[in-house]
Amino acid sequence: MKFSFELNKDVSAALQKIKNDIDHTGGKFNGNEKSGAFEGQGIKGSYNINGKIVNITIVQKPPLIKDDKIKSEIINYFGG
């Protein structure tokens, strides 16, 4: 699953919040202001940022969670 969205907040602030939230829930986050990877709650993926556009690739997800739900949650995490 792949999707993109426009980031509506500071990249550094968004990434720090995401890292804290993912770490707090026992997940893994490794990345910077250009690209990275994340894993948690059965979801595994990567991102790259080009200007204000965030490109997300999900490579693993629980079968019962709909793509739209995952997309919504990730956009919410990034503040897009």
Protein backbone atom coordinates (compact mmCIF):
# COMPACT_ATOMS: atom_id res chain seq x y z
CA MET A 1 0.00 0.00 0.00
CA LYS A 2 1.37 3.42 -0.97
CA PHE A 3 0.01 6.92 -0.49
CA SER A 4 1.17 10.54 -0.24
CA PHE A 5 -0.03 13.66 1.55
CA GLU A 6 1.04 17.21 2.27
CA LEU A 7 2.64 17.90 5.64
CA ASN A 8 1.03 20.87 7.37
CA LYS A 9 3.53 21.30 10.20
CA ASP A 10 7.25 21.51 10.82
CA VAL A 11 8.98 18.30 9.72
CA SER A 12 11.28 18.11 12.77
CA ALA A 13 8.41 18.60 15.22
CA ALA A 14 6.26 16.03 13.43
CA LEU A 15 9.03 13.42 13.42
CA GLN A 16 9.85 13.96 17.10
CA LYS A 17 6.18 13.47 18.04
CA ILE A 18 5.94 10.34 15.89
CA LYS A 19 9.13 8.87 17.38
CA ASN A 20 7.91 9.54 20.92
CA ASP A 21 4.46 8.07 20.24
CA ILE A 22 5.80 4.95 18.52
CA ASP A 23 8.49 4.38 21.16
CA HIS A 24 5.88 4.81 23.92
CA THR A 25 3.71 2.05 22.43
CA GLY A 26 6.62 -0.38 22.05
CA GLY A 27 7.20 0.17 18.34
CA LYS A 28 10.32 1.09 16.43
CA PHE A 29 11.10 4.31 14.57
CA ASN A 30 14.30 5.09 12.73
CA GLY A 31 14.52 8.08 10.45
CA ASN A 32 15.33 11.67 9.73
CA GLU A 33 13.83 14.62 7.84
CA LYS A 34 14.29 12.88 4.49
CA SER A 35 13.41 9.21 5.03
CA GLY A 36 12.96 6.45 7.54
CA ALA A 37 11.12 3.35 8.68
CA PHE A 38 8.57 2.54 11.36
CA GLU A 39 7.05 -0.55 12.91
CA GLY A 40 4.38 -1.07 15.52
CA GLN A 41 1.05 -2.70 16.28
CA GLY A 42 1.46 -5.07 13.33
CA ILE A 43 2.16 -2.28 10.84
CA LYS A 44 5.53 -1.94 9.15
CA GLY A 45 6.44 0.70 6.63
CA SER A 46 8.71 3.46 5.43
CA TYR A 47 8.49 7.09 4.47
CA ASN A 48 10.34 9.69 2.45
CA ILE A 49 9.79 13.41 2.53
CA ASN A 50 10.28 15.71 -0.44
CA GLY A 51 9.61 19.30 0.56
CA LYS A 52 6.17 19.20 2.19
CA ILE A 53 5.09 15.93 0.51
CA VAL A 54 5.28 12.76 2.59
CA ASN A 55 5.32 9.45 0.68
CA ILE A 56 4.36 6.40 2.74
CA THR A 57 4.84 2.74 1.83
CA ILE A 58 3.23 0.10 4.04
CA VAL A 59 4.82 -3.33 3.61
CA GLN A 60 3.01 -5.21 6.39
CA LYS A 61 -0.32 -4.75 8.13
CA PRO A 62 -2.84 -6.81 10.09
CA PRO A 63 -5.32 -8.35 7.64
CA LEU A 64 -8.41 -7.10 9.49
CA ILE A 65 -7.42 -3.42 9.50
CA LYS A 66 -8.66 -1.54 6.45
CA ASP A 67 -6.23 0.49 4.35
CA ASP A 68 -8.25 3.68 4.88
CA LYS A 69 -7.92 3.35 8.66
CA ILE A 70 -4.15 2.94 8.45
CA LYS A 71 -3.85 5.87 6.06
CA SER A 72 -5.95 8.09 8.34
CA GLU A 73 -3.91 7.19 11.44
CA ILE A 74 -0.57 7.77 9.73
CA ILE A 75 -1.64 11.14 8.34
CA ASN A 76 -2.83 12.04 11.82
CA TYR A 77 0.56 11.02 13.29
CA PHE A 78 2.39 13.26 10.83
CA GLY A 79 -0.07 16.11 11.27
CA GLY A 80 -0.81 16.20 7.55
